[in-house]
């Protein structure tokens, strides 16, 4: 492992720790929630604009109802079938998505009434999105490309 790779890994690990800490610390106490490494004072909302997302500030208090971290080295995302990442414990109205794989993924939300929603996750992930679903929804992913995803991390934060 070279020094550059080591520093990048440490920076990524620190970003993930701070992101999860902000979600759990601020979200649980009714203050601001941010999925970014720097607390900007208010949560952000990503709205779909064409094929991309526009990030806009939104003042609200969100409580986490489900959080998952998937390490693709341990649980790869295949091209053919979905792998379950998270089952939410309560209704949620926003979903924080971070992906460091560098691959395009398909996110599937399977609701208790069998309704299915599919979303494309571009490399990096869109951050905080206005995606919501009821309690008991299962969030799953698969590779949208020609190869399995075998490295990187996926972080999902479902917020009430």
N, C-alpha and C. Protein backbone atom coordinates (compact mmCIF):
# COMPACT_ATOMS: atom_id res chain seq x y z
N UNK A 1 0.85 -1.17 0.00
CA UNK A 1 0.00 0.00 0.00
C UNK A 1 0.89 1.23 0.00
N UNK A 2 0.67 2.13 -0.94
CA UNK A 2 1.49 3.33 -0.95
C UNK A 2 0.90 4.38 -0.03
N UNK A 3 1.66 5.43 0.21
CA UNK A 3 1.24 6.47 1.15
C UNK A 3 0.00 7.19 0.65
N UNK A 4 -0.09 7.44 -0.66
CA UNK A 4 -1.26 8.13 -1.22
C UNK A 4 -2.53 7.32 -0.98
N UNK A 5 -2.49 6.02 -1.23
CA UNK A 5 -3.64 5.16 -0.99
C UNK A 5 -4.01 5.15 0.48
N UNK A 6 -3.01 5.07 1.34
CA UNK A 6 -3.26 5.05 2.78
C UNK A 6 -3.94 6.32 3.24
N UNK A 7 -3.47 7.47 2.76
CA UNK A 7 -4.09 8.75 3.15
C UNK A 7 -5.52 8.84 2.65
N UNK A 8 -5.76 8.36 1.43
CA UNK A 8 -7.12 8.37 0.88
C UNK A 8 -8.04 7.49 1.71
N UNK A 9 -7.56 6.33 2.13
CA UNK A 9 -8.36 5.42 2.94
C UNK A 9 -8.68 6.04 4.28
N UNK A 10 -7.70 6.69 4.89
CA UNK A 10 -7.92 7.35 6.19
C UNK A 10 -8.92 8.48 6.03
N UNK A 11 -8.79 9.27 4.96
CA UNK A 11 -9.72 10.38 4.73
C UNK A 11 -11.14 9.87 4.53
N UNK A 12 -11.30 8.79 3.77
CA UNK A 12 -12.62 8.21 3.55
C UNK A 12 -13.21 7.70 4.85
N UNK A 13 -12.40 7.00 5.63
CA UNK A 13 -12.88 6.47 6.91
C UNK A 13 -13.31 7.60 7.83
N UNK A 14 -12.53 8.69 7.87
CA UNK A 14 -12.88 9.84 8.71
C UNK A 14 -14.17 10.47 8.23
N UNK A 15 -14.35 10.63 6.91
CA UNK A 15 -15.57 11.20 6.36
C UNK A 15 -16.78 10.36 6.75
N UNK A 16 -16.65 9.03 6.64
CA UNK A 16 -17.76 8.14 6.98
C UNK A 16 -18.12 8.25 8.45
N UNK A 17 -17.11 8.29 9.31
CA UNK A 17 -17.35 8.39 10.75
C UNK A 17 -18.08 9.69 11.08
N UNK A 18 -17.60 10.79 10.55
CA UNK A 18 -18.21 12.09 10.83
C UNK A 18 -19.63 12.14 10.28
N UNK A 19 -19.84 11.60 9.08
CA UNK A 19 -21.18 11.60 8.48
C UNK A 19 -22.17 10.84 9.34
N UNK A 20 -21.80 9.64 9.76
CA UNK A 20 -22.70 8.84 10.59
C UNK A 20 -22.90 9.48 11.96
N UNK A 21 -21.85 10.08 12.50
CA UNK A 21 -21.98 10.74 13.80
C UNK A 21 -22.94 11.91 13.72
N UNK A 22 -22.87 12.69 12.63
CA UNK A 22 -23.79 13.81 12.46
C UNK A 22 -25.23 13.33 12.34
N UNK A 23 -25.45 12.27 11.59
CA UNK A 23 -26.80 11.74 11.43
C UNK A 23 -27.34 11.30 12.78
N UNK A 24 -26.57 10.52 13.53
CA UNK A 24 -27.06 9.99 14.79
C UNK A 24 -27.11 11.03 15.89
N UNK A 25 -26.10 11.88 15.99
CA UNK A 25 -26.05 12.87 17.07
C UNK A 25 -27.07 13.97 16.85
N UNK A 26 -26.99 14.63 15.71
CA UNK A 26 -27.87 15.76 15.46
C UNK A 26 -29.30 15.32 15.20
N UNK A 27 -29.47 14.27 14.41
CA UNK A 27 -30.81 13.81 14.07
C UNK A 27 -31.58 13.33 15.27
N UNK A 28 -30.93 12.67 16.22
CA UNK A 28 -31.62 12.13 17.38
C UNK A 28 -32.04 13.20 18.37
N UNK A 29 -31.43 14.37 18.30
CA UNK A 29 -31.74 15.42 19.27
C UNK A 29 -32.49 16.58 18.64
N UNK A 30 -32.95 16.43 17.41
CA UNK A 30 -33.80 17.45 16.80
C UNK A 30 -33.05 18.65 16.25
N UNK A 31 -31.74 18.60 16.14
CA UNK A 31 -30.98 19.70 15.55
C UNK A 31 -30.80 19.40 14.06
N UNK A 32 -29.86 20.05 13.43
CA UNK A 32 -29.69 19.86 11.99
C UNK A 32 -29.09 18.49 11.68
N UNK A 33 -29.38 18.03 10.48
CA UNK A 33 -28.88 16.74 10.02
C UNK A 33 -28.14 16.99 8.71
N UNK A 34 -26.97 16.42 8.58
CA UNK A 34 -26.20 16.55 7.35
C UNK A 34 -25.52 15.24 7.04
N UNK A 35 -25.53 14.84 5.78
CA UNK A 35 -24.80 13.64 5.40
C UNK A 35 -23.43 14.01 4.86
N UNK A 36 -23.01 15.24 5.09
CA UNK A 36 -21.71 15.70 4.65
C UNK A 36 -20.76 15.78 5.84
N UNK A 37 -19.45 15.85 5.56
CA UNK A 37 -18.47 15.85 6.63
C UNK A 37 -18.46 17.16 7.39
N UNK A 38 -19.06 18.19 6.87
CA UNK A 38 -19.12 19.48 7.55
C UNK A 38 -20.59 19.82 7.79
N UNK A 39 -20.95 20.11 9.02
CA UNK A 39 -22.33 20.46 9.33
C UNK A 39 -22.61 21.84 8.76
N UNK A 40 -23.58 21.95 7.87
CA UNK A 40 -23.88 23.22 7.22
C UNK A 40 -25.02 23.98 7.91
N UNK A 41 -25.48 23.45 9.06
CA UNK A 41 -26.49 24.16 9.83
C UNK A 41 -27.91 23.77 9.51
N UNK A 42 -28.15 23.17 8.37
CA UNK A 42 -29.48 22.70 8.01
C UNK A 42 -29.30 21.51 7.08
N UNK A 43 -30.23 20.59 7.10
CA UNK A 43 -30.11 19.47 6.18
C UNK A 43 -30.27 19.94 4.74
N UNK A 44 -29.89 19.12 3.81
CA UNK A 44 -30.05 19.47 2.41
C UNK A 44 -31.01 18.48 1.76
N UNK A 45 -31.61 18.92 0.68
CA UNK A 45 -32.55 18.07 -0.05
C UNK A 45 -32.10 18.06 -1.49
N UNK A 46 -32.06 16.88 -2.08
CA UNK A 46 -31.71 16.77 -3.49
C UNK A 46 -32.99 16.57 -4.28
N UNK A 47 -33.22 17.41 -5.26
CA UNK A 47 -34.38 17.24 -6.11
C UNK A 47 -33.91 16.85 -7.50
N UNK A 48 -34.64 15.95 -8.12
CA UNK A 48 -34.23 15.47 -9.43
C UNK A 48 -34.48 16.54 -10.47
N UNK A 49 -33.45 16.82 -11.26
CA UNK A 49 -33.52 17.78 -12.35
C UNK A 49 -32.95 17.08 -13.56
N UNK A 50 -33.82 16.68 -14.48
CA UNK A 50 -33.36 15.90 -15.63
C UNK A 50 -32.79 14.59 -15.16
N UNK A 51 -31.55 14.31 -15.53
CA UNK A 51 -30.92 13.07 -15.10
C UNK A 51 -30.01 13.27 -13.90
N UNK A 52 -29.94 14.50 -13.36
CA UNK A 52 -29.07 14.78 -12.22
C UNK A 52 -29.87 15.23 -11.02
N UNK A 53 -29.19 15.67 -9.99
CA UNK A 53 -29.84 16.14 -8.78
C UNK A 53 -29.37 17.55 -8.47
N UNK A 54 -30.28 18.41 -8.04
CA UNK A 54 -29.93 19.74 -7.57
C UNK A 54 -30.09 19.74 -6.06
N UNK A 55 -29.08 20.19 -5.35
CA UNK A 55 -29.13 20.18 -3.89
C UNK A 55 -29.62 21.53 -3.40
N UNK A 56 -30.63 21.51 -2.54
CA UNK A 56 -31.22 22.72 -2.01
C UNK A 56 -31.33 22.59 -0.50
N UNK A 57 -31.13 23.71 0.24
CA UNK A 57 -31.28 23.62 1.69
C UNK A 57 -32.74 23.39 2.08
N UNK A 58 -32.95 22.68 3.15
CA UNK A 58 -34.28 22.44 3.66
C UNK A 58 -34.20 22.48 5.18
N UNK A 59 -35.01 23.30 5.79
CA UNK A 59 -34.99 23.40 7.24
C UNK A 59 -36.02 22.42 7.79
N UNK A 60 -35.54 21.42 8.48
CA UNK A 60 -36.41 20.43 9.09
C UNK A 60 -35.58 19.59 10.05
N UNK A 61 -36.27 18.85 10.89
CA UNK A 61 -35.60 17.94 11.81
C UNK A 61 -35.94 16.53 11.39
N UNK A 62 -34.93 15.74 11.14
CA UNK A 62 -35.13 14.37 10.68
C UNK A 62 -34.52 13.41 11.67
N UNK A 63 -35.25 12.33 11.94
CA UNK A 63 -34.80 11.29 12.85
C UNK A 63 -34.43 10.06 12.03
N UNK A 64 -33.24 9.48 12.26
CA UNK A 64 -32.88 8.28 11.51
C UNK A 64 -33.75 7.09 11.92
N UNK A 65 -34.28 6.36 10.95
CA UNK A 65 -35.09 5.16 11.22
C UNK A 65 -34.43 3.91 10.66
N UNK A 66 -33.28 4.09 10.03
CA UNK A 66 -32.53 2.95 9.51
C UNK A 66 -31.22 3.41 8.91
N UNK A 67 -30.14 2.74 9.26
CA UNK A 67 -28.82 3.05 8.73
C UNK A 67 -28.12 1.76 8.37
N UNK A 68 -27.45 1.74 7.24
CA UNK A 68 -26.70 0.55 6.83
C UNK A 68 -25.41 0.96 6.15
N UNK A 69 -24.36 0.19 6.40
CA UNK A 69 -23.08 0.36 5.71
C UNK A 69 -22.75 -0.99 5.09
N UNK A 70 -22.62 -1.02 3.77
CA UNK A 70 -22.26 -2.26 3.08
C UNK A 70 -20.85 -2.12 2.50
N UNK A 71 -19.98 -3.04 2.86
CA UNK A 71 -18.63 -3.11 2.31
C UNK A 71 -18.68 -4.11 1.16
N UNK A 72 -18.49 -3.62 -0.07
CA UNK A 72 -18.60 -4.49 -1.24
C UNK A 72 -17.55 -5.60 -1.27
N UNK A 73 -16.43 -5.41 -0.56
CA UNK A 73 -15.41 -6.46 -0.49
C UNK A 73 -15.96 -7.68 0.25
N UNK A 74 -16.84 -7.44 1.23
CA UNK A 74 -17.46 -8.50 2.01
C UNK A 74 -18.74 -9.01 1.35
N UNK A 75 -19.58 -8.08 0.90
CA UNK A 75 -20.85 -8.42 0.26
C UNK A 75 -20.93 -7.69 -1.08
N UNK A 76 -20.44 -8.31 -2.15
CA UNK A 76 -20.45 -7.66 -3.47
C UNK A 76 -21.88 -7.43 -3.98
N UNK A 77 -22.03 -6.43 -4.84
CA UNK A 77 -23.30 -6.18 -5.52
C UNK A 77 -23.21 -6.83 -6.89
N UNK A 78 -23.97 -7.92 -7.11
CA UNK A 78 -23.90 -8.63 -8.39
C UNK A 78 -24.66 -7.89 -9.49
N UNK A 79 -24.49 -8.34 -10.72
CA UNK A 79 -25.19 -7.73 -11.85
C UNK A 79 -26.59 -8.30 -12.03
N UNK A 80 -26.82 -9.53 -11.61
CA UNK A 80 -28.08 -10.18 -11.91
C UNK A 80 -29.16 -10.08 -10.85
N UNK A 81 -28.80 -10.15 -9.59
CA UNK A 81 -29.82 -10.16 -8.54
C UNK A 81 -29.52 -9.08 -7.50
N UNK A 82 -30.55 -8.69 -6.77
CA UNK A 82 -30.40 -7.67 -5.75
C UNK A 82 -29.93 -8.29 -4.43
N UNK A 83 -29.14 -7.52 -3.66
CA UNK A 83 -28.77 -7.92 -2.31
C UNK A 83 -29.46 -6.97 -1.34
N UNK A 84 -30.07 -7.50 -0.31
CA UNK A 84 -30.76 -6.68 0.69
C UNK A 84 -29.73 -5.97 1.56
N UNK A 85 -29.93 -4.67 1.73
CA UNK A 85 -29.01 -3.85 2.51
C UNK A 85 -29.65 -3.39 3.81
N UNK A 86 -30.95 -3.05 3.79
CA UNK A 86 -31.59 -2.42 4.94
C UNK A 86 -33.09 -2.66 4.90
N UNK A 87 -33.67 -2.96 6.06
CA UNK A 87 -35.12 -2.96 6.24
C UNK A 87 -35.43 -1.86 7.25
N UNK A 88 -36.25 -0.90 6.86
CA UNK A 88 -36.50 0.26 7.73
C UNK A 88 -37.53 -0.07 8.80
N UNK A 89 -37.34 0.53 9.98
CA UNK A 89 -38.19 0.26 11.13
C UNK A 89 -39.37 1.21 11.25
N UNK A 90 -39.42 2.23 10.41
CA UNK A 90 -40.49 3.22 10.48
C UNK A 90 -40.60 3.88 9.09
N UNK A 91 -41.68 4.62 8.87
CA UNK A 91 -41.81 5.37 7.62
C UNK A 91 -40.62 6.33 7.52
N UNK A 92 -40.15 6.56 6.29
CA UNK A 92 -39.11 7.57 6.10
C UNK A 92 -39.46 8.44 4.92
N UNK A 93 -38.89 9.67 4.93
CA UNK A 93 -39.24 10.66 3.91
C UNK A 93 -38.02 11.16 3.15
N UNK A 94 -36.83 10.85 3.65
CA UNK A 94 -35.60 11.21 2.97
C UNK A 94 -34.63 10.05 3.08
N UNK A 95 -33.79 9.91 2.07
CA UNK A 95 -32.80 8.84 2.07
C UNK A 95 -31.45 9.43 1.72
N UNK A 96 -30.49 9.29 2.64
CA UNK A 96 -29.11 9.70 2.39
C UNK A 96 -28.37 8.54 1.73
N UNK A 97 -27.73 8.82 0.61
CA UNK A 97 -27.03 7.77 -0.14
C UNK A 97 -25.61 8.23 -0.43
N UNK A 98 -24.63 7.42 0.00
CA UNK A 98 -23.23 7.64 -0.35
C UNK A 98 -22.67 6.32 -0.87
N UNK A 99 -21.98 6.38 -2.00
CA UNK A 99 -21.38 5.17 -2.56
C UNK A 99 -19.98 5.50 -3.06
N UNK A 100 -18.99 4.72 -2.59
CA UNK A 100 -17.60 4.98 -3.00
C UNK A 100 -17.07 3.94 -3.98
N UNK A 101 -17.95 3.14 -4.57
CA UNK A 101 -17.50 2.07 -5.47
C UNK A 101 -17.03 2.59 -6.83
N UNK A 102 -17.52 3.74 -7.24
CA UNK A 102 -17.21 4.25 -8.57
C UNK A 102 -18.07 3.61 -9.65
N UNK A 103 -19.06 2.83 -9.25
CA UNK A 103 -19.93 2.12 -10.19
C UNK A 103 -21.35 2.67 -10.15
N UNK A 104 -22.09 2.42 -11.22
CA UNK A 104 -23.50 2.77 -11.25
C UNK A 104 -24.28 1.59 -10.66
N UNK A 105 -25.20 1.89 -9.76
CA UNK A 105 -25.99 0.85 -9.08
C UNK A 105 -27.48 1.08 -9.33
N UNK A 106 -28.25 0.03 -9.12
CA UNK A 106 -29.71 0.14 -9.11
C UNK A 106 -30.17 -0.11 -7.69
N UNK A 107 -30.93 0.83 -7.14
CA UNK A 107 -31.51 0.72 -5.79
C UNK A 107 -32.97 0.31 -5.94
N UNK A 108 -33.37 -0.74 -5.23
CA UNK A 108 -34.76 -1.20 -5.26
C UNK A 108 -35.37 -1.03 -3.88
N UNK A 109 -36.55 -0.43 -3.84
CA UNK A 109 -37.33 -0.33 -2.60
C UNK A 109 -38.53 -1.26 -2.75
N UNK A 110 -38.58 -2.31 -1.94
CA UNK A 110 -39.70 -3.24 -1.94
C UNK A 110 -40.55 -2.94 -0.71
N UNK A 111 -41.73 -2.40 -0.94
CA UNK A 111 -42.61 -2.00 0.15
C UNK A 111 -43.44 -3.19 0.62
N UNK A 112 -43.96 -3.13 1.86
CA UNK A 112 -44.75 -4.25 2.40
C UNK A 112 -45.94 -4.64 1.53
N UNK A 113 -46.51 -3.68 0.77
CA UNK A 113 -47.65 -4.01 -0.09
C UNK A 113 -47.20 -4.54 -1.45
N UNK A 114 -45.91 -4.88 -1.58
CA UNK A 114 -45.29 -5.44 -2.78
C UNK A 114 -45.04 -4.42 -3.88
N UNK A 115 -45.28 -3.13 -3.61
CA UNK A 115 -44.95 -2.09 -4.59
C UNK A 115 -43.42 -1.99 -4.68
N UNK A 116 -42.93 -1.81 -5.89
CA UNK A 116 -41.48 -1.75 -6.11
C UNK A 116 -41.13 -0.42 -6.77
N UNK A 117 -40.08 0.23 -6.25
CA UNK A 117 -39.54 1.44 -6.86
C UNK A 117 -38.07 1.18 -7.17
N UNK A 118 -37.63 1.61 -8.36
CA UNK A 118 -36.24 1.45 -8.75
C UNK A 118 -35.61 2.82 -8.99
N UNK A 119 -34.38 2.99 -8.53
CA UNK A 119 -33.64 4.24 -8.68
C UNK A 119 -32.23 3.91 -9.15
N UNK A 120 -31.65 4.80 -9.93
CA UNK A 120 -30.26 4.66 -10.36
C UNK A 120 -29.39 5.49 -9.43
N UNK A 121 -28.33 4.87 -8.92
CA UNK A 121 -27.36 5.58 -8.08
C UNK A 121 -26.09 5.77 -8.90
N UNK A 122 -25.78 7.01 -9.21
CA UNK A 122 -24.56 7.33 -9.94
C UNK A 122 -23.37 7.24 -8.99
N UNK A 123 -22.15 7.10 -9.51
CA UNK A 123 -20.97 7.03 -8.63
C UNK A 123 -20.94 8.20 -7.64
N UNK A 124 -20.68 7.90 -6.40
CA UNK A 124 -20.66 8.90 -5.33
C UNK A 124 -21.99 8.97 -4.60
N UNK A 125 -23.07 8.75 -5.31
CA UNK A 125 -24.40 8.85 -4.71
C UNK A 125 -24.88 10.28 -4.71
N UNK A 126 -26.18 10.50 -4.67
CA UNK A 126 -26.74 11.85 -4.74
C UNK A 126 -26.75 12.59 -3.41
N UNK A 127 -26.34 11.95 -2.31
CA UNK A 127 -26.43 12.61 -1.01
C UNK A 127 -27.82 12.41 -0.43
N UNK A 128 -28.41 13.45 0.10
CA UNK A 128 -29.73 13.37 0.71
C UNK A 128 -30.80 13.59 -0.36
N UNK A 129 -31.72 12.63 -0.49
CA UNK A 129 -32.72 12.67 -1.55
C UNK A 129 -34.13 12.65 -0.97
N UNK A 130 -35.13 13.09 -1.73
CA UNK A 130 -36.51 13.06 -1.26
C UNK A 130 -37.19 11.71 -1.47
N UNK A 131 -36.44 10.64 -1.43
CA UNK A 131 -37.00 9.29 -1.57
C UNK A 131 -37.58 8.87 -0.23
N UNK A 132 -38.82 8.38 -0.22
CA UNK A 132 -39.45 7.92 1.01
C UNK A 132 -40.25 6.65 0.79
N UNK A 133 -40.57 5.97 1.90
CA UNK A 133 -41.34 4.73 1.83
C UNK A 133 -41.84 4.37 3.22
N UNK A 134 -42.81 3.45 3.33
CA UNK A 134 -43.37 3.08 4.63
C UNK A 134 -42.47 2.11 5.42
N UNK A 135 -42.83 1.97 6.69
CA UNK A 135 -42.15 1.03 7.58
C UNK A 135 -42.16 -0.37 6.97
N UNK A 136 -41.06 -1.10 7.15
CA UNK A 136 -40.97 -2.45 6.63
C UNK A 136 -40.44 -2.55 5.21
N UNK A 137 -40.17 -1.41 4.58
CA UNK A 137 -39.62 -1.41 3.23
C UNK A 137 -38.21 -1.98 3.24
N UNK A 138 -37.90 -2.82 2.27
CA UNK A 138 -36.58 -3.43 2.14
C UNK A 138 -35.83 -2.70 1.03
N UNK A 139 -34.63 -2.20 1.35
CA UNK A 139 -33.79 -1.53 0.37
C UNK A 139 -32.71 -2.50 -0.09
N UNK A 140 -32.61 -2.69 -1.40
CA UNK A 140 -31.66 -3.63 -2.00
C UNK A 140 -30.93 -2.95 -3.14
N UNK A 141 -29.74 -3.46 -3.46
CA UNK A 141 -28.98 -2.92 -4.58
C UNK A 141 -28.42 -4.03 -5.46
N UNK A 142 -28.12 -3.65 -6.70
CA UNK A 142 -27.38 -4.52 -7.61
C UNK A 142 -26.58 -3.62 -8.52
N UNK A 143 -25.56 -4.20 -9.14
CA UNK A 143 -24.76 -3.46 -10.10
C UNK A 143 -25.59 -3.20 -11.35
N UNK A 144 -25.52 -1.98 -11.85
CA UNK A 144 -26.22 -1.64 -13.09
C UNK A 144 -25.28 -1.78 -14.29
N UNK A 145 -24.02 -2.12 -14.01
CA UNK A 145 -23.04 -2.26 -15.08
C UNK A 145 -22.86 -3.71 -15.50
N UNK A 146 -21.78 -3.96 -16.24
CA UNK A 146 -21.51 -5.29 -16.76
C UNK A 146 -20.73 -6.16 -15.78
N UNK A 147 -20.22 -5.55 -14.70
CA UNK A 147 -19.41 -6.31 -13.74
C UNK A 147 -19.97 -6.17 -12.33
N UNK A 148 -19.70 -7.17 -11.50
CA UNK A 148 -20.07 -7.10 -10.09
C UNK A 148 -19.28 -5.98 -9.42
N UNK A 149 -19.87 -5.36 -8.40
CA UNK A 149 -19.18 -4.33 -7.62
C UNK A 149 -18.54 -5.03 -6.44
N UNK A 150 -17.21 -4.97 -6.36
CA UNK A 150 -16.49 -5.73 -5.33
C UNK A 150 -15.60 -4.88 -4.44
N UNK A 151 -15.61 -3.57 -4.62
CA UNK A 151 -14.82 -2.71 -3.73
C UNK A 151 -15.57 -1.42 -3.47
N UNK A 152 -15.31 -0.82 -2.31
CA UNK A 152 -15.96 0.42 -1.92
C UNK A 152 -17.03 0.18 -0.88
N UNK A 153 -17.69 1.26 -0.50
CA UNK A 153 -18.72 1.21 0.53
C UNK A 153 -20.01 1.86 0.04
N UNK A 154 -21.13 1.38 0.55
CA UNK A 154 -22.43 2.00 0.34
C UNK A 154 -22.99 2.33 1.71
N UNK A 155 -23.40 3.59 1.90
CA UNK A 155 -24.01 4.01 3.16
C UNK A 155 -25.41 4.52 2.85
N UNK A 156 -26.39 3.95 3.54
CA UNK A 156 -27.78 4.38 3.41
C UNK A 156 -28.26 4.87 4.76
N UNK A 157 -28.89 6.04 4.79
CA UNK A 157 -29.48 6.61 6.00
C UNK A 157 -30.92 7.00 5.69
N UNK A 158 -31.88 6.24 6.22
CA UNK A 158 -33.29 6.55 6.04
C UNK A 158 -33.72 7.48 7.16
N UNK A 159 -34.30 8.64 6.81
CA UNK A 159 -34.65 9.67 7.79
C UNK A 159 -36.15 9.94 7.79
N UNK A 160 -36.72 9.99 8.98
CA UNK A 160 -38.16 10.23 9.17
C UNK A 160 -38.50 11.67 8.86
